[in-house]
Amino acid sequence: MNPSEKGQRYARIFRKAGIFLGKGNIARAVDVLKEGQSLAEQLGDSSMARRFAAEIVAAAKTPTPR
């Protein structure tokens, strides 16, 4: 997979997670970010795997709207 394709896949995952966060669906956003982390690990991209891990922590701390 070339770097452009990899970047596009990561961007798609972040957008999808952002949509779920915007709708208040924290659990689904975390699931999507975990999928991204898994993808990055499979591709041997440790820096992106760490970024996804950090985003998972941040998303899990997001308060649920009432």
PDB file of N, CA and C in Angstrom:
ATOM      1  N   MET A   1       0.867  -1.173   0.000  1.00  0.00           N
ATOM      2  CA  MET A   1       0.000   0.000   0.000  1.00  0.00           C
ATOM      3  C   MET A   1       0.911   1.233   0.000  1.00  0.00           C
ATOM      4  N   ASN A   2       0.656   2.115  -0.942  1.00  0.00           N
ATOM      5  CA  ASN A   2       1.502   3.305  -1.006  1.00  0.00           C
ATOM      6  C   ASN A   2       1.085   4.322   0.066  1.00  0.00           C
ATOM      7  N   PRO A   3       1.973   5.258   0.380  1.00  0.00           N
ATOM      8  CA  PRO A   3       1.678   6.228   1.461  1.00  0.00           C
ATOM      9  C   PRO A   3       0.394   7.027   1.243  1.00  0.00           C
ATOM     10  N   SER A   4       0.067   7.327  -0.001  1.00  0.00           N
ATOM     11  CA  SER A   4      -1.149   8.085  -0.285  1.00  0.00           C
ATOM     12  C   SER A   4      -2.393   7.287   0.096  1.00  0.00           C
ATOM     13  N   GLU A   5      -2.417   6.016  -0.266  1.00  0.00           N
ATOM     14  CA  GLU A   5      -3.563   5.160   0.077  1.00  0.00           C
ATOM     15  C   GLU A   5      -3.682   4.994   1.585  1.00  0.00           C
ATOM     16  N   LYS A   6      -2.531   4.835   2.240  1.00  0.00           N
ATOM     17  CA  LYS A   6      -2.530   4.672   3.685  1.00  0.00           C
ATOM     18  C   LYS A   6      -3.101   5.925   4.348  1.00  0.00           C
ATOM     19  N   GLY A   7      -2.656   7.081   3.905  1.00  0.00           N
ATOM     20  CA  GLY A   7      -3.146   8.342   4.459  1.00  0.00           C
ATOM     21  C   GLY A   7      -4.639   8.517   4.248  1.00  0.00           C
ATOM     22  N   GLN A   8      -5.122   8.114   3.081  1.00  0.00           N
ATOM     23  CA  GLN A   8      -6.551   8.216   2.793  1.00  0.00           C
ATOM     24  C   GLN A   8      -7.357   7.303   3.707  1.00  0.00           C
ATOM     25  N   ARG A   9      -6.859   6.106   3.965  1.00  0.00           N
ATOM     26  CA  ARG A   9      -7.576   5.185   4.854  1.00  0.00           C
ATOM     27  C   ARG A   9      -7.608   5.738   6.280  1.00  0.00           C
ATOM     28  N   TYR A  10      -6.461   6.266   6.739  1.00  0.00           N
ATOM     29  CA  TYR A  10      -6.425   6.846   8.084  1.00  0.00           C
ATOM     30  C   TYR A  10      -7.389   8.031   8.182  1.00  0.00           C
ATOM     31  N   ALA A  11      -7.388   8.883   7.179  1.00  0.00           N
ATOM     32  CA  ALA A  11      -8.271  10.049   7.189  1.00  0.00           C
ATOM     33  C   ALA A  11      -9.732   9.628   7.241  1.00  0.00           C
ATOM     34  N   ARG A  12     -10.086   8.606   6.474  1.00  0.00           N
ATOM     35  CA  ARG A  12     -11.458   8.103   6.465  1.00  0.00           C
ATOM     36  C   ARG A  12     -11.859   7.602   7.854  1.00  0.00           C
ATOM     37  N   ILE A  13     -10.943   6.910   8.513  1.00  0.00           N
ATOM     38  CA  ILE A  13     -11.222   6.382   9.854  1.00  0.00           C
ATOM     39  C   ILE A  13     -11.424   7.532  10.837  1.00  0.00           C
ATOM     40  N   PHE A  14     -10.557   8.556  10.790  1.00  0.00           N
ATOM     41  CA  PHE A  14     -10.701   9.694  11.694  1.00  0.00           C
ATOM     42  C   PHE A  14     -12.008  10.445  11.436  1.00  0.00           C
ATOM     43  N   ARG A  15     -12.387  10.601  10.167  1.00  0.00           N
ATOM     44  CA  ARG A  15     -13.660  11.280   9.858  1.00  0.00           C
ATOM     45  C   ARG A  15     -14.838  10.481  10.395  1.00  0.00           C
ATOM     46  N   LYS A  16     -14.805   9.171  10.192  1.00  0.00           N
ATOM     47  CA  LYS A  16     -15.895   8.308  10.662  1.00  0.00           C
ATOM     48  C   LYS A  16     -16.015   8.395  12.186  1.00  0.00           C
ATOM     49  N   ALA A  17     -14.883   8.345  12.881  1.00  0.00           N
ATOM     50  CA  ALA A  17     -14.902   8.458  14.343  1.00  0.00           C
ATOM     51  C   ALA A  17     -15.437   9.827  14.761  1.00  0.00           C
ATOM     52  N   GLY A  18     -15.051  10.865  14.041  1.00  0.00           N
ATOM     53  CA  GLY A  18     -15.522  12.211  14.346  1.00  0.00           C
ATOM     54  C   GLY A  18     -17.029  12.347  14.205  1.00  0.00           C
ATOM     55  N   ILE A  19     -17.574  11.683  13.213  1.00  0.00           N
ATOM     56  CA  ILE A  19     -19.033  11.715  13.021  1.00  0.00           C
ATOM     57  C   ILE A  19     -19.729  11.073  14.220  1.00  0.00           C
ATOM     58  N   PHE A  20     -19.204   9.919  14.649  1.00  0.00           N
ATOM     59  CA  PHE A  20     -19.805   9.263  15.810  1.00  0.00           C
ATOM     60  C   PHE A  20     -19.657  10.112  17.072  1.00  0.00           C
ATOM     61  N   LEU A  21     -18.497  10.738  17.239  1.00  0.00           N
ATOM     62  CA  LEU A  21     -18.318  11.617  18.406  1.00  0.00           C
ATOM     63  C   LEU A  21     -19.293  12.781  18.358  1.00  0.00           C
ATOM     64  N   GLY A  22     -19.478  13.347  17.174  1.00  0.00           N
ATOM     65  CA  GLY A  22     -20.407  14.459  17.017  1.00  0.00           C
ATOM     66  C   GLY A  22     -21.839  14.085  17.352  1.00  0.00           C
ATOM     67  N   LYS A  23     -22.178  12.836  17.122  1.00  0.00           N
ATOM     68  CA  LYS A  23     -23.526  12.357  17.435  1.00  0.00           C
ATOM     69  C   LYS A  23     -23.640  11.869  18.875  1.00  0.00           C
ATOM     70  N   GLY A  24     -22.523  11.920  19.611  1.00  0.00           N
ATOM     71  CA  GLY A  24     -22.554  11.479  21.005  1.00  0.00           C
ATOM     72  C   GLY A  24     -22.398   9.988  21.180  1.00  0.00           C
ATOM     73  N   ASN A  25     -22.062   9.272  20.118  1.00  0.00           N
ATOM     74  CA  ASN A  25     -21.897   7.824  20.190  1.00  0.00           C
ATOM     75  C   ASN A  25     -20.424   7.508  20.455  1.00  0.00           C
ATOM     76  N   ILE A  26     -20.024   7.680  21.715  1.00  0.00           N
ATOM     77  CA  ILE A  26     -18.629   7.540  22.116  1.00  0.00           C
ATOM     78  C   ILE A  26     -18.143   6.106  21.912  1.00  0.00           C
ATOM     79  N   ALA A  27     -18.949   5.135  22.301  1.00  0.00           N
ATOM     80  CA  ALA A  27     -18.534   3.731  22.196  1.00  0.00           C
ATOM     81  C   ALA A  27     -18.219   3.356  20.757  1.00  0.00           C
ATOM     82  N   ARG A  28     -19.060   3.780  19.837  1.00  0.00           N
ATOM     83  CA  ARG A  28     -18.818   3.445  18.418  1.00  0.00           C
ATOM     84  C   ARG A  28     -17.588   4.174  17.893  1.00  0.00           C
ATOM     85  N   ALA A  29     -17.389   5.415  18.315  1.00  0.00           N
ATOM     86  CA  ALA A  29     -16.197   6.163  17.903  1.00  0.00           C
ATOM     87  C   ALA A  29     -14.928   5.461  18.387  1.00  0.00           C
ATOM     88  N   VAL A  30     -14.947   4.996  19.625  1.00  0.00           N
ATOM     89  CA  VAL A  30     -13.794   4.273  20.166  1.00  0.00           C
ATOM     90  C   VAL A  30     -13.557   2.994  19.376  1.00  0.00           C
ATOM     91  N   ASP A  31     -14.625   2.285  19.019  1.00  0.00           N
ATOM     92  CA  ASP A  31     -14.483   1.063  18.214  1.00  0.00           C
ATOM     93  C   ASP A  31     -13.816   1.360  16.872  1.00  0.00           C
ATOM     94  N   VAL A  32     -14.232   2.431  16.233  1.00  0.00           N
ATOM     95  CA  VAL A  32     -13.660   2.821  14.940  1.00  0.00           C
ATOM     96  C   VAL A  32     -12.184   3.171  15.106  1.00  0.00           C
ATOM     97  N   LEU A  33     -11.848   3.903  16.153  1.00  0.00           N
ATOM     98  CA  LEU A  33     -10.453   4.262  16.395  1.00  0.00           C
ATOM     99  C   LEU A  33      -9.602   3.023  16.690  1.00  0.00           C
ATOM    100  N   LYS A  34     -10.181   2.043  17.380  1.00  0.00           N
ATOM    101  CA  LYS A  34      -9.463   0.794  17.635  1.00  0.00           C
ATOM    102  C   LYS A  34      -9.198   0.048  16.329  1.00  0.00           C
ATOM    103  N   GLU A  35     -10.156   0.102  15.412  1.00  0.00           N
ATOM    104  CA  GLU A  35      -9.947  -0.505  14.093  1.00  0.00           C
ATOM    105  C   GLU A  35      -8.780   0.192  13.385  1.00  0.00           C
ATOM    106  N   GLY A  36      -8.716   1.511  13.508  1.00  0.00           N
ATOM    107  CA  GLY A  36      -7.620   2.266  12.923  1.00  0.00           C
ATOM    108  C   GLY A  36      -6.282   1.905  13.542  1.00  0.00           C
ATOM    109  N   GLN A  37      -6.271   1.740  14.843  1.00  0.00           N
ATOM    110  CA  GLN A  37      -5.045   1.353  15.534  1.00  0.00           C
ATOM    111  C   GLN A  37      -4.588  -0.027  15.060  1.00  0.00           C
ATOM    112  N   SER A  38      -5.519  -0.937  14.933  1.00  0.00           N
ATOM    113  CA  SER A  38      -5.205  -2.278  14.455  1.00  0.00           C
ATOM    114  C   SER A  38      -4.640  -2.236  13.035  1.00  0.00           C
ATOM    115  N   LEU A  39      -5.256  -1.429  12.172  1.00  0.00           N
ATOM    116  CA  LEU A  39      -4.779  -1.277  10.799  1.00  0.00           C
ATOM    117  C   LEU A  39      -3.347  -0.747  10.794  1.00  0.00           C
ATOM    118  N   ALA A  40      -3.092   0.285  11.582  1.00  0.00           N
ATOM    119  CA  ALA A  40      -1.753   0.876  11.633  1.00  0.00           C
ATOM    120  C   ALA A  40      -0.727  -0.153  12.110  1.00  0.00           C
ATOM    121  N   GLU A  41      -1.103  -0.953  13.098  1.00  0.00           N
ATOM    122  CA  GLU A  41      -0.192  -1.988  13.581  1.00  0.00           C
ATOM    123  C   GLU A  41       0.076  -3.033  12.505  1.00  0.00           C
ATOM    124  N   GLN A  42      -0.961  -3.425  11.767  1.00  0.00           N
ATOM    125  CA  GLN A  42      -0.792  -4.402  10.680  1.00  0.00           C
ATOM    126  C   GLN A  42       0.126  -3.867   9.596  1.00  0.00           C
ATOM    127  N   LEU A  43       0.064  -2.562   9.365  1.00  0.00           N
ATOM    128  CA  LEU A  43       0.881  -1.941   8.332  1.00  0.00           C
ATOM    129  C   LEU A  43       2.272  -1.563   8.839  1.00  0.00           C
ATOM    130  N   GLY A  44       2.531  -1.819  10.118  1.00  0.00           N
ATOM    131  CA  GLY A  44       3.834  -1.512  10.695  1.00  0.00           C
ATOM    132  C   GLY A  44       4.067  -0.033  10.912  1.00  0.00           C
ATOM    133  N   ASP A  45       2.989   0.722  11.068  1.00  0.00           N
ATOM    134  CA  ASP A  45       3.066   2.171  11.236  1.00  0.00           C
ATOM    135  C   ASP A  45       2.888   2.513  12.717  1.00  0.00           C
ATOM    136  N   SER A  46       3.985   2.412  13.471  1.00  0.00           N
ATOM    137  CA  SER A  46       3.897   2.573  14.923  1.00  0.00           C
ATOM    138  C   SER A  46       3.504   3.990  15.341  1.00  0.00           C
ATOM    139  N   SER A  47       3.912   4.998  14.586  1.00  0.00           N
ATOM    140  CA  SER A  47       3.548   6.363  14.974  1.00  0.00           C
ATOM    141  C   SER A  47       2.043   6.586  14.853  1.00  0.00           C
ATOM    142  N   MET A  48       1.431   6.058  13.814  1.00  0.00           N
ATOM    143  CA  MET A  48      -0.029   6.197  13.678  1.00  0.00           C
ATOM    144  C   MET A  48      -0.752   5.324  14.692  1.00  0.00           C
ATOM    145  N   ALA A  49      -0.201   4.173  15.013  1.00  0.00           N
ATOM    146  CA  ALA A  49      -0.819   3.330  16.040  1.00  0.00           C
ATOM    147  C   ALA A  49      -0.850   4.075  17.366  1.00  0.00           C
ATOM    148  N   ARG A  50       0.241   4.788  17.689  1.00  0.00           N
ATOM    149  CA  ARG A  50       0.267   5.591  18.921  1.00  0.00           C
ATOM    150  C   ARG A  50      -0.731   6.738  18.849  1.00  0.00           C
ATOM    151  N   ARG A  51      -0.873   7.338  17.679  1.00  0.00           N
ATOM    152  CA  ARG A  51      -1.832   8.439  17.524  1.00  0.00           C
ATOM    153  C   ARG A  51      -3.262   7.946  17.737  1.00  0.00           C
ATOM    154  N   PHE A  52      -3.579   6.789  17.143  1.00  0.00           N
ATOM    155  CA  PHE A  52      -4.914   6.221  17.357  1.00  0.00           C
ATOM    156  C   PHE A  52      -5.120   5.906  18.836  1.00  0.00           C
ATOM    157  N   ALA A  53      -4.096   5.370  19.505  1.00  0.00           N
ATOM    158  CA  ALA A  53      -4.211   5.056  20.934  1.00  0.00           C
ATOM    159  C   ALA A  53      -4.505   6.324  21.736  1.00  0.00           C
ATOM    160  N   ALA A  54      -3.816   7.411  21.398  1.00  0.00           N
ATOM    161  CA  ALA A  54      -4.056   8.679  22.096  1.00  0.00           C
ATOM    162  C   ALA A  54      -5.471   9.188  21.836  1.00  0.00           C
ATOM    163  N   GLU A  55      -5.940   9.044  20.613  1.00  0.00           N
ATOM    164  CA  GLU A  55      -7.303   9.483  20.280  1.00  0.00           C
ATOM    165  C   GLU A  55      -8.348   8.629  20.993  1.00  0.00           C
ATOM    166  N   ILE A  56      -8.060   7.349  21.186  1.00  0.00           N
ATOM    167  CA  ILE A  56      -8.979   6.468  21.913  1.00  0.00           C
ATOM    168  C   ILE A  56      -9.130   6.959  23.348  1.00  0.00           C
ATOM    169  N   VAL A  57      -8.000   7.295  23.974  1.00  0.00           N
ATOM    170  CA  VAL A  57      -8.031   7.805  25.348  1.00  0.00           C
ATOM    171  C   VAL A  57      -8.821   9.111  25.407  1.00  0.00           C
ATOM    172  N   ALA A  58      -8.560  10.000  24.462  1.00  0.00           N
ATOM    173  CA  ALA A  58      -9.255  11.287  24.443  1.00  0.00           C
ATOM    174  C   ALA A  58     -10.755  11.108  24.220  1.00  0.00           C
ATOM    175  N   ALA A  59     -11.119  10.217  23.306  1.00  0.00           N
ATOM    176  CA  ALA A  59     -12.544   9.991  23.023  1.00  0.00           C
ATOM    177  C   ALA A  59     -13.245   9.372  24.224  1.00  0.00           C
ATOM    178  N   ALA A  60     -12.568   8.485  24.906  1.00  0.00           N
ATOM    179  CA  ALA A  60     -13.179   7.832  26.064  1.00  0.00           C
ATOM    180  C   ALA A  60     -13.440   8.826  27.191  1.00  0.00           C
ATOM    181  N   LYS A  61     -12.689   9.921  27.224  1.00  0.00           N
ATOM    182  CA  LYS A  61     -12.882  10.952  28.246  1.00  0.00           C
ATOM    183  C   LYS A  61     -13.957  11.961  27.861  1.00  0.00           C
ATOM    184  N   THR A  62     -14.431  11.897  26.619  1.00  0.00           N
ATOM    185  CA  THR A  62     -15.435  12.850  26.142  1.00  0.00           C
ATOM    186  C   THR A  62     -16.750  12.624  26.879  1.00  0.00           C
ATOM    187  N   PRO A  63     -17.295  13.681  27.485  1.00  0.00           N
ATOM    188  CA  PRO A  63     -18.576  13.520  28.187  1.00  0.00           C
ATOM    189  C   PRO A  63     -19.709  13.243  27.201  1.00  0.00           C
ATOM    190  N   THR A  64     -20.623  12.420  27.628  1.00  0.00           N
ATOM    191  CA  THR A  64     -21.784  12.088  26.803  1.00  0.00           C
ATOM    192  C   THR A  64     -22.809  13.214  26.912  1.00  0.00           C
ATOM    193  N   PRO A  65     -23.268  13.745  25.754  1.00  0.00           N
ATOM    194  CA  PRO A  65     -24.274  14.817  25.804  1.00  0.00           C
ATOM    195  C   PRO A  65     -25.589  14.324  26.383  1.00  0.00           C
ATOM    196  N   ARG A  66     -26.284  15.226  27.049  1.00  0.00           N
ATOM    197  CA  ARG A  66     -27.574  14.832  27.655  1.00  0.00           C
ATOM    198  C   ARG A  66     -28.708  15.419  26.892  1.00  0.00           C
TER     199      ARG A  66
END
